[in-house]
Amino acid sequence: MGAGDVTIYHNPACGTSRNVLALLRGAGVEPRIVEYLKHPPSRDELREIVAATGGSIRPLLREKEPQFKALGLGDPKWSEDELLAFVLEYPILMNRPVVVTPHGTKLCRPSETVLDLLPQKP
């Protein structure tokens, strides 16, 4: 994979996110790093991530985040569009790290999940 082929939506304060970045670099991949709390994805980018990871935003929501509970986002009444709007307003609600590669897009929890996205496992 060449430069720019891989993107990680990264939170440097998250141990899992740091581990995934280290695994990518250990495999010889230098990804484009998007610190999504500073530079959130656009609505279209978020829709692409959701579509590429299975079509529902719910698995990408960070349920342990206090904002998730405060907003009552576990309630099934919220539509996909409404949940997407909450993530756009509160990027901390997006779980991390999400890795985008030519071989797929995944929420990489646990960290080793990222290895499934590499053409050759290190």
N, C-alpha and C. Protein backbone atom coordinates (compact mmCIF):
# COMPACT_ATOMS: atom_id res chain seq x y z
N MET A 1 0.84 -1.18 0.00
CA MET A 1 0.00 0.00 0.00
C MET A 1 0.88 1.23 0.00
N GLY A 2 0.55 2.17 -0.84
CA GLY A 2 1.35 3.38 -0.95
C GLY A 2 0.90 4.44 0.03
N ALA A 3 1.67 5.51 0.07
CA ALA A 3 1.33 6.63 0.94
C ALA A 3 -0.04 7.17 0.56
N GLY A 4 -0.84 7.46 1.53
CA GLY A 4 -2.17 8.02 1.28
C GLY A 4 -3.24 6.97 1.04
N ASP A 5 -2.86 5.69 0.95
CA ASP A 5 -3.83 4.63 0.73
C ASP A 5 -4.58 4.26 2.00
N VAL A 6 -4.00 4.60 3.14
CA VAL A 6 -4.56 4.21 4.43
C VAL A 6 -4.81 5.47 5.27
N THR A 7 -5.98 5.53 5.87
CA THR A 7 -6.32 6.63 6.76
C THR A 7 -6.74 6.04 8.09
N ILE A 8 -6.27 6.66 9.17
CA ILE A 8 -6.71 6.28 10.51
C ILE A 8 -7.38 7.49 11.14
N TYR A 9 -8.62 7.27 11.60
CA TYR A 9 -9.31 8.29 12.39
C TYR A 9 -8.88 8.01 13.82
N HIS A 10 -8.03 8.89 14.33
CA HIS A 10 -7.19 8.62 15.48
C HIS A 10 -7.45 9.60 16.62
N ASN A 11 -7.36 9.06 17.84
CA ASN A 11 -7.35 9.89 19.04
C ASN A 11 -6.07 9.53 19.78
N PRO A 12 -5.08 10.42 19.81
CA PRO A 12 -3.80 10.10 20.44
C PRO A 12 -3.92 9.83 21.94
N ALA A 13 -5.02 10.22 22.57
CA ALA A 13 -5.21 9.94 23.99
C ALA A 13 -5.72 8.52 24.26
N CYS A 14 -6.06 7.81 23.20
CA CYS A 14 -6.63 6.46 23.31
C CYS A 14 -5.55 5.41 23.09
N GLY A 15 -5.38 4.53 24.06
CA GLY A 15 -4.37 3.47 23.95
C GLY A 15 -4.60 2.55 22.76
N THR A 16 -5.84 2.17 22.51
CA THR A 16 -6.14 1.30 21.37
C THR A 16 -5.77 2.00 20.07
N SER A 17 -6.09 3.27 19.97
CA SER A 17 -5.78 4.03 18.76
C SER A 17 -4.26 4.10 18.56
N ARG A 18 -3.52 4.34 19.63
CA ARG A 18 -2.05 4.38 19.54
C ARG A 18 -1.50 3.02 19.14
N ASN A 19 -2.08 1.94 19.68
CA ASN A 19 -1.63 0.58 19.33
C ASN A 19 -1.85 0.29 17.86
N VAL A 20 -3.01 0.68 17.34
CA VAL A 20 -3.31 0.44 15.92
C VAL A 20 -2.34 1.22 15.04
N LEU A 21 -2.06 2.44 15.40
CA LEU A 21 -1.10 3.24 14.64
C LEU A 21 0.27 2.56 14.66
N ALA A 22 0.68 2.04 15.80
CA ALA A 22 1.97 1.34 15.91
C ALA A 22 1.97 0.07 15.07
N LEU A 23 0.86 -0.66 15.04
CA LEU A 23 0.77 -1.88 14.22
C LEU A 23 0.88 -1.53 12.73
N LEU A 24 0.22 -0.47 12.31
CA LEU A 24 0.31 -0.04 10.91
C LEU A 24 1.75 0.30 10.56
N ARG A 25 2.37 1.11 11.41
CA ARG A 25 3.76 1.51 11.15
C ARG A 25 4.69 0.31 11.19
N GLY A 26 4.44 -0.63 12.08
CA GLY A 26 5.24 -1.85 12.16
C GLY A 26 5.12 -2.70 10.90
N ALA A 27 4.00 -2.54 10.19
CA ALA A 27 3.79 -3.26 8.93
C ALA A 27 4.32 -2.46 7.74
N GLY A 28 4.97 -1.33 8.03
CA GLY A 28 5.53 -0.52 6.95
C GLY A 28 4.54 0.44 6.32
N VAL A 29 3.42 0.68 6.97
CA VAL A 29 2.39 1.57 6.44
C VAL A 29 2.42 2.87 7.24
N GLU A 30 2.59 3.98 6.55
CA GLU A 30 2.50 5.29 7.20
C GLU A 30 1.16 5.90 6.76
N PRO A 31 0.16 5.79 7.61
CA PRO A 31 -1.17 6.25 7.22
C PRO A 31 -1.32 7.76 7.28
N ARG A 32 -2.35 8.23 6.61
CA ARG A 32 -2.79 9.61 6.80
C ARG A 32 -3.52 9.59 8.13
N ILE A 33 -3.11 10.45 9.05
CA ILE A 33 -3.68 10.48 10.39
C ILE A 33 -4.66 11.63 10.49
N VAL A 34 -5.90 11.30 10.83
CA VAL A 34 -6.93 12.32 11.04
C VAL A 34 -7.26 12.31 12.52
N GLU A 35 -6.84 13.34 13.23
CA GLU A 35 -7.23 13.48 14.63
C GLU A 35 -8.66 14.02 14.62
N TYR A 36 -9.60 13.09 14.62
CA TYR A 36 -10.98 13.44 14.33
C TYR A 36 -11.63 14.34 15.39
N LEU A 37 -11.04 14.43 16.58
CA LEU A 37 -11.60 15.37 17.56
C LEU A 37 -11.25 16.81 17.19
N LYS A 38 -10.09 16.98 16.52
CA LYS A 38 -9.68 18.31 16.06
C LYS A 38 -10.23 18.61 14.67
N HIS A 39 -10.30 17.58 13.84
CA HIS A 39 -10.73 17.71 12.44
C HIS A 39 -11.77 16.63 12.14
N PRO A 40 -13.01 16.82 12.61
CA PRO A 40 -14.03 15.79 12.41
C PRO A 40 -14.31 15.54 10.93
N PRO A 41 -14.72 14.32 10.62
CA PRO A 41 -15.10 14.04 9.24
C PRO A 41 -16.33 14.85 8.85
N SER A 42 -16.43 15.15 7.58
CA SER A 42 -17.63 15.84 7.07
C SER A 42 -18.79 14.86 7.09
N ARG A 43 -19.98 15.36 6.85
CA ARG A 43 -21.17 14.50 6.78
C ARG A 43 -20.97 13.41 5.72
N ASP A 44 -20.46 13.80 4.54
CA ASP A 44 -20.24 12.82 3.47
C ASP A 44 -19.19 11.79 3.85
N GLU A 45 -18.09 12.24 4.46
CA GLU A 45 -17.05 11.30 4.90
C GLU A 45 -17.60 10.33 5.94
N LEU A 46 -18.37 10.85 6.88
CA LEU A 46 -18.94 9.99 7.91
C LEU A 46 -19.91 8.99 7.30
N ARG A 47 -20.70 9.43 6.33
CA ARG A 47 -21.61 8.51 5.64
C ARG A 47 -20.83 7.40 4.92
N GLU A 48 -19.70 7.77 4.30
CA GLU A 48 -18.87 6.78 3.62
C GLU A 48 -18.30 5.77 4.61
N ILE A 49 -17.85 6.25 5.76
CA ILE A 49 -17.32 5.35 6.79
C ILE A 49 -18.41 4.39 7.25
N VAL A 50 -19.59 4.92 7.53
CA VAL A 50 -20.71 4.10 7.98
C VAL A 50 -21.06 3.05 6.93
N ALA A 51 -21.15 3.46 5.68
CA ALA A 51 -21.48 2.51 4.60
C ALA A 51 -20.41 1.42 4.50
N ALA A 52 -19.15 1.81 4.60
CA ALA A 52 -18.04 0.86 4.43
C ALA A 52 -17.91 -0.10 5.61
N THR A 53 -18.46 0.28 6.77
CA THR A 53 -18.34 -0.60 7.94
C THR A 53 -19.61 -1.40 8.20
N GLY A 54 -20.56 -1.33 7.31
CA GLY A 54 -21.73 -2.18 7.47
C GLY A 54 -23.07 -1.51 7.35
N GLY A 55 -23.10 -0.19 7.22
CA GLY A 55 -24.33 0.50 6.93
C GLY A 55 -25.09 1.06 8.11
N SER A 56 -24.64 0.82 9.33
CA SER A 56 -25.29 1.41 10.50
C SER A 56 -24.26 2.15 11.33
N ILE A 57 -24.63 3.30 11.83
CA ILE A 57 -23.71 4.07 12.65
C ILE A 57 -23.65 3.52 14.09
N ARG A 58 -24.65 2.77 14.51
CA ARG A 58 -24.69 2.30 15.90
C ARG A 58 -23.41 1.58 16.34
N PRO A 59 -22.84 0.67 15.56
CA PRO A 59 -21.61 0.01 16.02
C PRO A 59 -20.41 0.97 16.15
N LEU A 60 -20.51 2.13 15.54
CA LEU A 60 -19.42 3.11 15.61
C LEU A 60 -19.57 4.08 16.77
N LEU A 61 -20.68 3.97 17.51
CA LEU A 61 -20.91 4.89 18.62
C LEU A 61 -20.14 4.44 19.86
N ARG A 62 -19.60 5.40 20.54
CA ARG A 62 -18.85 5.14 21.77
C ARG A 62 -19.84 5.17 22.93
N GLU A 63 -20.36 3.99 23.27
CA GLU A 63 -21.41 3.88 24.27
C GLU A 63 -20.95 4.25 25.68
N LYS A 64 -19.65 4.15 25.95
CA LYS A 64 -19.12 4.48 27.27
C LYS A 64 -18.94 5.99 27.47
N GLU A 65 -19.11 6.73 26.42
CA GLU A 65 -18.94 8.19 26.49
C GLU A 65 -20.10 8.79 27.28
N PRO A 66 -19.82 9.65 28.28
CA PRO A 66 -20.92 10.26 29.05
C PRO A 66 -21.96 10.97 28.18
N GLN A 67 -21.53 11.57 27.08
CA GLN A 67 -22.44 12.27 26.17
C GLN A 67 -23.46 11.29 25.57
N PHE A 68 -23.04 10.05 25.32
CA PHE A 68 -23.93 9.02 24.78
C PHE A 68 -25.10 8.80 25.74
N LYS A 69 -24.76 8.63 27.02
CA LYS A 69 -25.80 8.40 28.03
C LYS A 69 -26.64 9.65 28.25
N ALA A 70 -26.00 10.80 28.29
CA ALA A 70 -26.72 12.05 28.53
C ALA A 70 -27.76 12.32 27.45
N LEU A 71 -27.44 11.96 26.22
CA LEU A 71 -28.35 12.18 25.11
C LEU A 71 -29.35 11.04 24.92
N GLY A 72 -29.16 9.95 25.66
CA GLY A 72 -30.06 8.81 25.53
C GLY A 72 -29.95 8.12 24.19
N LEU A 73 -28.72 8.03 23.65
CA LEU A 73 -28.55 7.50 22.30
C LEU A 73 -28.72 6.00 22.19
N GLY A 74 -28.82 5.30 23.31
CA GLY A 74 -29.11 3.88 23.27
C GLY A 74 -30.57 3.58 22.93
N ASP A 75 -31.40 4.59 22.98
CA ASP A 75 -32.82 4.44 22.68
C ASP A 75 -33.00 4.17 21.18
N PRO A 76 -33.73 3.10 20.82
CA PRO A 76 -33.92 2.78 19.40
C PRO A 76 -34.73 3.81 18.62
N LYS A 77 -35.29 4.82 19.31
CA LYS A 77 -36.09 5.83 18.61
C LYS A 77 -35.26 6.67 17.65
N TRP A 78 -33.93 6.75 17.88
CA TRP A 78 -33.09 7.60 17.05
C TRP A 78 -32.84 6.95 15.69
N SER A 79 -33.07 7.72 14.64
CA SER A 79 -32.80 7.22 13.28
C SER A 79 -31.30 7.30 12.99
N GLU A 80 -30.88 6.66 11.94
CA GLU A 80 -29.48 6.71 11.51
C GLU A 80 -29.07 8.17 11.24
N ASP A 81 -29.94 8.92 10.57
CA ASP A 81 -29.62 10.33 10.27
C ASP A 81 -29.50 11.16 11.54
N GLU A 82 -30.37 10.90 12.51
CA GLU A 82 -30.28 11.63 13.78
C GLU A 82 -28.99 11.29 14.51
N LEU A 83 -28.63 10.01 14.54
CA LEU A 83 -27.39 9.60 15.21
C LEU A 83 -26.18 10.20 14.49
N LEU A 84 -26.22 10.21 13.18
CA LEU A 84 -25.14 10.81 12.40
C LEU A 84 -25.00 12.30 12.76
N ALA A 85 -26.11 12.98 12.91
CA ALA A 85 -26.08 14.40 13.28
C ALA A 85 -25.46 14.59 14.66
N PHE A 86 -25.75 13.69 15.59
CA PHE A 86 -25.14 13.79 16.92
C PHE A 86 -23.62 13.61 16.84
N VAL A 87 -23.16 12.67 16.03
CA VAL A 87 -21.72 12.44 15.90
C VAL A 87 -21.05 13.65 15.24
N LEU A 88 -21.72 14.25 14.29
CA LEU A 88 -21.16 15.45 13.66
C LEU A 88 -21.06 16.59 14.67
N GLU A 89 -22.04 16.69 15.56
CA GLU A 89 -22.03 17.74 16.57
C GLU A 89 -21.06 17.43 17.71
N TYR A 90 -20.98 16.15 18.07
CA TYR A 90 -20.13 15.70 19.18
C TYR A 90 -19.21 14.58 18.68
N PRO A 91 -18.10 14.92 18.02
CA PRO A 91 -17.22 13.89 17.44
C PRO A 91 -16.71 12.86 18.44
N ILE A 92 -16.68 13.21 19.74
CA ILE A 92 -16.23 12.26 20.76
C ILE A 92 -17.11 11.01 20.79
N LEU A 93 -18.32 11.10 20.23
CA LEU A 93 -19.23 9.96 20.20
C LEU A 93 -18.78 8.87 19.22
N MET A 94 -17.88 9.21 18.30
CA MET A 94 -17.40 8.21 17.34
C MET A 94 -16.32 7.36 17.99
N ASN A 95 -16.52 6.07 17.94
CA ASN A 95 -15.52 5.17 18.50
C ASN A 95 -14.27 5.18 17.63
N ARG A 96 -13.17 4.76 18.20
CA ARG A 96 -11.90 4.83 17.50
C ARG A 96 -11.06 3.63 17.86
N PRO A 97 -10.10 3.38 17.01
CA PRO A 97 -9.77 4.03 15.74
C PRO A 97 -10.52 3.35 14.59
N VAL A 98 -10.88 4.15 13.62
CA VAL A 98 -11.44 3.62 12.38
C VAL A 98 -10.32 3.72 11.35
N VAL A 99 -10.07 2.61 10.66
CA VAL A 99 -9.01 2.57 9.65
C VAL A 99 -9.64 2.29 8.29
N VAL A 100 -9.27 3.11 7.32
CA VAL A 100 -9.77 3.00 5.95
C VAL A 100 -8.60 2.57 5.06
N THR A 101 -8.76 1.46 4.34
CA THR A 101 -7.72 0.97 3.43
C THR A 101 -8.38 0.50 2.15
N PRO A 102 -7.58 0.22 1.11
CA PRO A 102 -8.15 -0.36 -0.11
C PRO A 102 -8.74 -1.75 0.13
N HIS A 103 -8.39 -2.38 1.26
CA HIS A 103 -8.88 -3.73 1.57
C HIS A 103 -10.07 -3.73 2.52
N GLY A 104 -10.57 -2.55 2.85
CA GLY A 104 -11.73 -2.47 3.72
C GLY A 104 -11.60 -1.35 4.73
N THR A 105 -12.68 -1.16 5.47
CA THR A 105 -12.76 -0.14 6.51
C THR A 105 -13.32 -0.81 7.75
N LYS A 106 -12.65 -0.55 8.89
CA LYS A 106 -13.09 -1.19 10.13
C LYS A 106 -12.86 -0.29 11.32
N LEU A 107 -13.71 -0.48 12.32
CA LEU A 107 -13.42 -0.01 13.66
C LEU A 107 -12.46 -1.04 14.23
N CYS A 108 -11.27 -0.64 14.55
CA CYS A 108 -10.22 -1.59 14.94
C CYS A 108 -10.13 -1.72 16.46
N ARG A 109 -11.12 -2.39 17.00
CA ARG A 109 -11.16 -2.75 18.41
C ARG A 109 -11.49 -4.21 18.46
N PRO A 110 -10.65 -5.08 18.93
CA PRO A 110 -9.33 -4.82 19.49
C PRO A 110 -8.31 -4.42 18.42
N SER A 111 -7.17 -3.96 18.88
CA SER A 111 -6.14 -3.41 17.98
C SER A 111 -5.78 -4.34 16.84
N GLU A 112 -5.68 -5.63 17.12
CA GLU A 112 -5.23 -6.60 16.12
C GLU A 112 -6.17 -6.70 14.92
N THR A 113 -7.37 -6.19 15.05
CA THR A 113 -8.33 -6.19 13.95
C THR A 113 -7.75 -5.51 12.72
N VAL A 114 -6.85 -4.54 12.93
CA VAL A 114 -6.27 -3.81 11.80
C VAL A 114 -5.48 -4.75 10.90
N LEU A 115 -4.96 -5.83 11.43
CA LEU A 115 -4.16 -6.76 10.62
C LEU A 115 -4.98 -7.36 9.48
N ASP A 116 -6.30 -7.48 9.68
CA ASP A 116 -7.17 -8.00 8.62
C ASP A 116 -7.25 -7.07 7.42
N LEU A 117 -6.86 -5.81 7.61
CA LEU A 117 -6.94 -4.82 6.54
C LEU A 117 -5.64 -4.70 5.75
N LEU A 118 -4.62 -5.42 6.17
CA LEU A 118 -3.33 -5.34 5.50
C LEU A 118 -3.19 -6.46 4.47
N PRO A 119 -2.57 -6.19 3.33
CA PRO A 119 -2.44 -7.21 2.30
C PRO A 119 -1.62 -8.41 2.79
N GLN A 120 -0.61 -8.15 3.61
CA GLN A 120 0.21 -9.21 4.21
C GLN A 120 0.33 -8.92 5.69
N LYS A 121 0.08 -9.93 6.49
CA LYS A 121 0.19 -9.74 7.93
C LYS A 121 1.66 -9.69 8.31
N PRO A 122 2.05 -8.71 9.16
CA PRO A 122 3.45 -8.61 9.54
C PRO A 122 3.88 -9.78 10.42
